[in-house]
N, C-alpha and C. Protein backbone atom coordinates (compact mmCIF):
# COMPACT_ATOMS: atom_id res chain seq x y z
N UNK A 1 0.81 -1.15 0.00
CA UNK A 1 0.01 0.01 -0.01
C UNK A 1 0.89 1.24 0.00
N UNK A 2 0.53 2.15 -0.85
CA UNK A 2 1.30 3.43 -0.91
C UNK A 2 0.38 4.58 -0.67
N UNK A 3 0.95 5.62 -0.01
CA UNK A 3 0.18 6.81 0.22
C UNK A 3 0.70 7.92 -0.63
N UNK A 4 -0.22 8.67 -1.25
CA UNK A 4 0.19 9.78 -2.13
C UNK A 4 -0.46 11.05 -1.61
N UNK A 5 0.29 12.16 -1.73
CA UNK A 5 -0.20 13.43 -1.31
C UNK A 5 -0.41 14.30 -2.52
N UNK A 6 -1.62 14.87 -2.62
CA UNK A 6 -1.93 15.74 -3.72
C UNK A 6 -2.44 17.06 -3.18
N UNK A 7 -2.32 18.10 -4.05
CA UNK A 7 -2.79 19.44 -3.63
C UNK A 7 -4.28 19.46 -3.89
N UNK A 8 -5.01 19.88 -2.90
CA UNK A 8 -6.46 20.00 -3.00
C UNK A 8 -6.77 21.38 -3.49
N UNK A 9 -7.97 21.59 -4.01
CA UNK A 9 -8.37 22.87 -4.56
C UNK A 9 -8.36 24.00 -3.56
N UNK A 10 -8.48 23.76 -2.25
CA UNK A 10 -8.46 24.76 -1.25
C UNK A 10 -7.10 25.12 -0.79
N UNK A 11 -6.06 24.48 -1.34
CA UNK A 11 -4.72 24.78 -0.94
C UNK A 11 -4.13 23.82 0.15
N UNK A 12 -5.01 22.97 0.70
CA UNK A 12 -4.49 22.02 1.70
C UNK A 12 -4.10 20.73 0.99
N UNK A 13 -3.29 19.89 1.67
CA UNK A 13 -2.86 18.65 1.12
C UNK A 13 -3.81 17.56 1.48
N UNK A 14 -4.07 16.68 0.48
CA UNK A 14 -5.02 15.55 0.63
C UNK A 14 -4.21 14.26 0.52
N UNK A 15 -4.34 13.32 1.48
CA UNK A 15 -3.57 12.08 1.42
C UNK A 15 -4.63 10.94 1.06
N UNK A 16 -4.27 10.17 0.06
CA UNK A 16 -5.13 9.01 -0.33
C UNK A 16 -4.29 7.76 -0.25
N UNK A 17 -4.95 6.66 -0.05
CA UNK A 17 -4.25 5.35 0.04
C UNK A 17 -4.53 4.63 -1.25
N UNK A 18 -3.50 4.31 -2.01
CA UNK A 18 -3.63 3.60 -3.30
C UNK A 18 -3.47 2.12 -3.07
N UNK A 19 -4.19 1.31 -3.74
CA UNK A 19 -4.03 -0.14 -3.70
C UNK A 19 -5.03 -0.84 -2.77
N UNK A 20 -5.72 -0.08 -1.98
CA UNK A 20 -6.68 -0.72 -1.00
C UNK A 20 -8.06 -0.64 -1.67
N UNK A 21 -8.67 -1.85 -1.90
CA UNK A 21 -9.98 -1.80 -2.55
C UNK A 21 -11.06 -1.20 -1.63
N UNK A 22 -12.05 -0.66 -2.18
CA UNK A 22 -13.21 -0.12 -1.48
C UNK A 22 -13.91 -1.22 -0.77
N UNK A 23 -14.49 -0.96 0.36
CA UNK A 23 -15.25 -1.96 1.14
C UNK A 23 -16.58 -2.09 0.43
N UNK A 24 -17.02 -3.33 0.23
CA UNK A 24 -18.34 -3.57 -0.39
C UNK A 24 -19.43 -3.14 0.58
N UNK A 25 -20.50 -2.59 0.04
CA UNK A 25 -21.65 -2.19 0.84
C UNK A 25 -22.94 -2.66 0.21
N UNK A 26 -23.98 -2.61 0.95
CA UNK A 26 -25.30 -2.91 0.43
C UNK A 26 -25.41 -4.34 -0.10
N UNK A 27 -26.09 -4.45 -1.20
CA UNK A 27 -26.34 -5.78 -1.75
C UNK A 27 -25.09 -6.47 -2.22
N UNK A 28 -24.03 -5.67 -2.58
CA UNK A 28 -22.75 -6.28 -3.00
C UNK A 28 -22.18 -7.04 -1.78
N UNK A 29 -22.24 -6.45 -0.58
CA UNK A 29 -21.78 -7.16 0.59
C UNK A 29 -22.62 -8.41 0.94
N UNK A 30 -23.95 -8.25 0.80
CA UNK A 30 -24.84 -9.39 0.99
C UNK A 30 -24.52 -10.51 0.04
N UNK A 31 -24.32 -10.19 -1.26
CA UNK A 31 -24.01 -11.24 -2.24
C UNK A 31 -22.67 -11.88 -1.94
N UNK A 32 -21.71 -11.11 -1.46
CA UNK A 32 -20.39 -11.64 -1.10
C UNK A 32 -20.50 -12.65 0.00
N UNK A 33 -21.25 -12.32 1.02
CA UNK A 33 -21.46 -13.27 2.18
C UNK A 33 -22.25 -14.48 1.71
N UNK A 34 -23.29 -14.24 0.90
CA UNK A 34 -24.07 -15.35 0.43
C UNK A 34 -23.28 -16.34 -0.42
N UNK A 35 -22.40 -15.83 -1.28
CA UNK A 35 -21.58 -16.70 -2.11
C UNK A 35 -20.63 -17.52 -1.24
N UNK A 36 -20.03 -16.84 -0.26
CA UNK A 36 -19.13 -17.57 0.65
C UNK A 36 -19.83 -18.67 1.39
N UNK A 37 -20.98 -18.37 1.96
CA UNK A 37 -21.70 -19.39 2.75
C UNK A 37 -22.26 -20.51 1.87
N UNK A 38 -22.72 -20.16 0.72
CA UNK A 38 -23.23 -21.22 -0.24
C UNK A 38 -22.11 -22.14 -0.64
N UNK A 39 -20.95 -21.57 -0.93
CA UNK A 39 -19.81 -22.43 -1.35
C UNK A 39 -19.38 -23.28 -0.17
N UNK A 40 -19.42 -22.76 1.04
CA UNK A 40 -19.02 -23.54 2.22
C UNK A 40 -19.97 -24.66 2.46
N UNK A 41 -21.28 -24.41 2.33
CA UNK A 41 -22.24 -25.54 2.50
C UNK A 41 -22.08 -26.56 1.43
N UNK A 42 -21.88 -26.11 0.23
CA UNK A 42 -21.64 -27.05 -0.91
C UNK A 42 -20.46 -27.93 -0.64
N UNK A 43 -19.38 -27.35 -0.14
CA UNK A 43 -18.15 -28.11 0.16
C UNK A 43 -18.42 -29.09 1.28
N UNK A 44 -19.09 -28.68 2.32
CA UNK A 44 -19.41 -29.60 3.44
C UNK A 44 -20.30 -30.80 2.98
N UNK A 45 -21.27 -30.46 2.12
CA UNK A 45 -22.15 -31.53 1.63
C UNK A 45 -21.43 -32.54 0.81
N UNK A 46 -20.52 -32.07 -0.06
CA UNK A 46 -19.72 -33.03 -0.81
C UNK A 46 -18.75 -33.81 0.10
N UNK A 47 -18.17 -33.15 1.04
CA UNK A 47 -17.28 -33.85 1.98
C UNK A 47 -18.02 -34.93 2.73
N UNK A 48 -19.22 -34.66 3.20
CA UNK A 48 -19.97 -35.67 3.94
C UNK A 48 -20.45 -36.83 3.05
N UNK A 49 -20.79 -36.52 1.73
CA UNK A 49 -21.11 -37.56 0.84
C UNK A 49 -19.92 -38.47 0.56
N UNK A 50 -18.77 -37.85 0.44
CA UNK A 50 -17.50 -38.63 0.19
C UNK A 50 -17.27 -39.51 1.45
N UNK A 51 -17.40 -38.98 2.59
CA UNK A 51 -17.17 -39.78 3.84
C UNK A 51 -18.09 -40.96 3.90
N UNK A 52 -19.35 -40.75 3.63
CA UNK A 52 -20.32 -41.85 3.67
C UNK A 52 -20.03 -42.89 2.54
N UNK A 53 -19.71 -42.40 1.37
CA UNK A 53 -19.42 -43.36 0.27
C UNK A 53 -18.14 -44.18 0.59
N UNK A 54 -17.19 -43.54 1.27
CA UNK A 54 -15.98 -44.30 1.66
C UNK A 54 -16.29 -45.34 2.65
N UNK A 55 -17.19 -45.08 3.56
CA UNK A 55 -17.59 -46.13 4.61
C UNK A 55 -18.32 -47.27 3.89
N UNK A 56 -19.17 -46.93 2.93
CA UNK A 56 -19.89 -47.98 2.20
C UNK A 56 -18.86 -48.87 1.42
N UNK A 57 -17.94 -48.18 0.75
CA UNK A 57 -16.92 -48.88 0.03
C UNK A 57 -16.13 -49.83 0.87
N UNK A 58 -15.72 -49.35 2.07
CA UNK A 58 -14.94 -50.18 2.95
C UNK A 58 -15.72 -51.39 3.44
N UNK A 59 -16.98 -51.22 3.80
CA UNK A 59 -17.80 -52.28 4.25
C UNK A 59 -18.02 -53.37 3.15
N UNK A 60 -18.36 -52.91 1.97
CA UNK A 60 -18.59 -53.85 0.86
C UNK A 60 -17.25 -54.51 0.48
N UNK A 61 -16.18 -53.82 0.41
CA UNK A 61 -14.86 -54.36 0.06
C UNK A 61 -14.42 -55.40 1.10
N UNK A 62 -14.61 -55.10 2.42
CA UNK A 62 -14.21 -56.01 3.44
C UNK A 62 -15.06 -57.36 3.30
N UNK A 63 -16.33 -57.21 2.98
CA UNK A 63 -17.15 -58.40 2.79
C UNK A 63 -16.70 -59.17 1.59
N UNK A 64 -16.38 -58.50 0.53
CA UNK A 64 -15.94 -59.16 -0.69
C UNK A 64 -14.63 -59.92 -0.54
N UNK A 65 -13.67 -59.21 0.10
CA UNK A 65 -12.37 -59.81 0.26
C UNK A 65 -12.31 -60.86 1.33
N UNK A 66 -13.20 -60.84 2.29
CA UNK A 66 -13.20 -61.87 3.35
C UNK A 66 -13.48 -63.27 2.76
N UNK A 67 -14.16 -63.33 1.63
CA UNK A 67 -14.36 -64.62 0.97
C UNK A 67 -13.07 -65.25 0.44
N UNK A 68 -12.11 -64.35 0.15
CA UNK A 68 -10.89 -64.87 -0.48
C UNK A 68 -9.73 -65.05 0.46
N UNK A 69 -9.86 -64.53 1.70
CA UNK A 69 -8.80 -64.74 2.69
C UNK A 69 -8.95 -66.06 3.34
N UNK A 70 -7.99 -66.88 3.25
CA UNK A 70 -8.03 -68.21 3.78
C UNK A 70 -8.15 -68.21 5.29
N UNK A 71 -7.38 -67.32 5.96
CA UNK A 71 -7.39 -67.32 7.39
C UNK A 71 -8.66 -66.83 8.00
N UNK A 72 -9.49 -66.15 7.17
CA UNK A 72 -10.79 -65.61 7.65
C UNK A 72 -11.96 -66.19 6.91
N UNK A 73 -11.83 -67.43 6.47
CA UNK A 73 -12.95 -68.09 5.71
C UNK A 73 -14.08 -68.34 6.67
N UNK A 74 -14.91 -67.32 6.86
CA UNK A 74 -16.07 -67.39 7.73
C UNK A 74 -17.27 -67.65 6.87
N UNK A 75 -17.91 -68.79 7.04
CA UNK A 75 -19.03 -69.16 6.18
C UNK A 75 -20.30 -68.38 6.64
N UNK A 76 -20.26 -67.81 7.88
CA UNK A 76 -21.42 -67.02 8.34
C UNK A 76 -21.37 -65.57 7.96
N UNK A 77 -20.25 -65.13 7.40
CA UNK A 77 -20.09 -63.71 7.02
C UNK A 77 -20.96 -63.36 5.85
N UNK A 78 -21.42 -62.14 5.82
CA UNK A 78 -22.27 -61.67 4.73
C UNK A 78 -21.44 -61.49 3.41
N UNK A 79 -22.03 -61.70 2.31
CA UNK A 79 -21.39 -61.46 1.04
C UNK A 79 -21.36 -59.96 0.79
N UNK A 80 -20.64 -59.55 -0.25
CA UNK A 80 -20.57 -58.15 -0.63
C UNK A 80 -21.99 -57.64 -1.00
N UNK A 81 -22.73 -58.44 -1.76
CA UNK A 81 -24.14 -58.07 -2.16
C UNK A 81 -25.05 -57.96 -0.93
N UNK A 82 -24.89 -58.87 0.02
CA UNK A 82 -25.71 -58.85 1.25
C UNK A 82 -25.35 -57.61 2.07
N UNK A 83 -24.08 -57.32 2.13
CA UNK A 83 -23.67 -56.13 2.86
C UNK A 83 -24.14 -54.86 2.20
N UNK A 84 -24.11 -54.80 0.88
CA UNK A 84 -24.61 -53.56 0.19
C UNK A 84 -26.11 -53.43 0.34
N UNK A 85 -26.86 -54.50 0.50
CA UNK A 85 -28.32 -54.34 0.62
C UNK A 85 -28.76 -54.34 2.02
N UNK A 86 -27.82 -54.32 2.97
CA UNK A 86 -28.19 -54.24 4.41
C UNK A 86 -28.78 -52.93 4.75
N UNK A 87 -29.64 -52.88 5.81
CA UNK A 87 -30.29 -51.60 6.12
C UNK A 87 -29.26 -50.49 6.50
N UNK A 88 -28.17 -50.89 7.14
CA UNK A 88 -27.18 -49.91 7.52
C UNK A 88 -26.59 -49.22 6.28
N UNK A 89 -26.17 -50.04 5.38
CA UNK A 89 -25.51 -49.51 4.17
C UNK A 89 -26.49 -48.75 3.29
N UNK A 90 -27.71 -49.27 3.24
CA UNK A 90 -28.80 -48.55 2.43
C UNK A 90 -29.06 -47.19 3.05
N UNK A 91 -29.07 -47.10 4.39
CA UNK A 91 -29.31 -45.82 5.06
C UNK A 91 -28.12 -44.88 4.76
N UNK A 92 -26.90 -45.34 4.78
CA UNK A 92 -25.75 -44.55 4.49
C UNK A 92 -25.80 -44.04 3.03
N UNK A 93 -26.19 -44.93 2.12
CA UNK A 93 -26.28 -44.52 0.76
C UNK A 93 -27.35 -43.50 0.52
N UNK A 94 -28.53 -43.63 1.19
CA UNK A 94 -29.55 -42.64 1.10
C UNK A 94 -29.10 -41.29 1.64
N UNK A 95 -28.35 -41.30 2.70
CA UNK A 95 -27.86 -40.06 3.31
C UNK A 95 -26.82 -39.41 2.38
N UNK A 96 -25.93 -40.22 1.83
CA UNK A 96 -24.94 -39.71 0.86
C UNK A 96 -25.66 -39.05 -0.35
N UNK A 97 -26.70 -39.68 -0.79
CA UNK A 97 -27.50 -39.15 -1.92
C UNK A 97 -28.12 -37.79 -1.58
N UNK A 98 -28.62 -37.70 -0.37
CA UNK A 98 -29.21 -36.46 0.11
C UNK A 98 -28.14 -35.37 0.17
N UNK A 99 -26.93 -35.72 0.63
CA UNK A 99 -25.82 -34.81 0.68
C UNK A 99 -25.45 -34.30 -0.73
N UNK A 100 -25.46 -35.18 -1.68
CA UNK A 100 -25.11 -34.86 -3.07
C UNK A 100 -26.17 -33.96 -3.68
N UNK A 101 -27.43 -34.23 -3.36
CA UNK A 101 -28.54 -33.37 -3.88
C UNK A 101 -28.37 -31.96 -3.30
N UNK A 102 -28.02 -31.87 -2.02
CA UNK A 102 -27.79 -30.59 -1.39
C UNK A 102 -26.61 -29.86 -2.08
N UNK A 103 -25.51 -30.59 -2.33
CA UNK A 103 -24.35 -29.95 -2.99
C UNK A 103 -24.74 -29.46 -4.40
N UNK A 104 -25.52 -30.25 -5.14
CA UNK A 104 -25.97 -29.83 -6.44
C UNK A 104 -26.84 -28.59 -6.33
N UNK A 105 -27.70 -28.52 -5.38
CA UNK A 105 -28.58 -27.35 -5.19
C UNK A 105 -27.74 -26.06 -4.89
N UNK A 106 -26.76 -26.26 -4.04
CA UNK A 106 -25.92 -25.10 -3.68
C UNK A 106 -25.03 -24.68 -4.87
N UNK A 107 -24.55 -25.64 -5.63
CA UNK A 107 -23.77 -25.31 -6.81
C UNK A 107 -24.60 -24.58 -7.83
N UNK A 108 -25.87 -24.96 -8.00
CA UNK A 108 -26.71 -24.29 -8.92
C UNK A 108 -27.03 -22.84 -8.42
N UNK A 109 -27.11 -22.68 -7.10
CA UNK A 109 -27.29 -21.31 -6.57
C UNK A 109 -26.13 -20.40 -6.94
N UNK A 110 -24.91 -21.00 -6.89
CA UNK A 110 -23.72 -20.21 -7.24
C UNK A 110 -23.71 -19.84 -8.73
N UNK A 111 -24.13 -20.71 -9.54
CA UNK A 111 -24.04 -20.53 -11.02
C UNK A 111 -25.23 -19.77 -11.63
N UNK A 112 -26.37 -19.77 -10.89
CA UNK A 112 -27.63 -19.19 -11.43
C UNK A 112 -28.04 -17.99 -10.62
N UNK A 113 -27.11 -17.26 -10.09
CA UNK A 113 -27.52 -16.15 -9.20
C UNK A 113 -28.22 -15.08 -10.01
N UNK A 114 -29.35 -14.69 -9.53
CA UNK A 114 -30.15 -13.63 -10.12
C UNK A 114 -30.16 -12.40 -9.18
N UNK A 115 -29.80 -11.24 -9.64
CA UNK A 115 -29.86 -10.08 -8.80
C UNK A 115 -31.21 -9.90 -8.23
N UNK A 116 -31.35 -9.34 -7.01
CA UNK A 116 -32.70 -9.23 -6.40
C UNK A 116 -33.59 -8.21 -7.06
N UNK A 117 -32.99 -7.27 -7.80
CA UNK A 117 -33.83 -6.26 -8.50
C UNK A 117 -33.05 -5.71 -9.69
């Protein structure tokens, strides 16, 4: 930031600060905050969907690979398909889908912004 001094019309010196942007006011400030919060919620929704999908992947993968591990050949263990269709995994999948829908909605809000007037 640099300060410059210029002569004012009344003979006094005026100091201005160059390089500092003007503070946003009014609807510009509202839109700035709205964009920040919308992007934050979108990010959180995607992060949660990823976390849930990773948990589903681990559960199904563990069930799938347990059939091939000789030291863990458990005939009572659920198969990968049984694990995927279990109520716990189905609930996680439904929640992940809701998170993705939320992320999509927030992404559309960022790209389809209409000025209020």
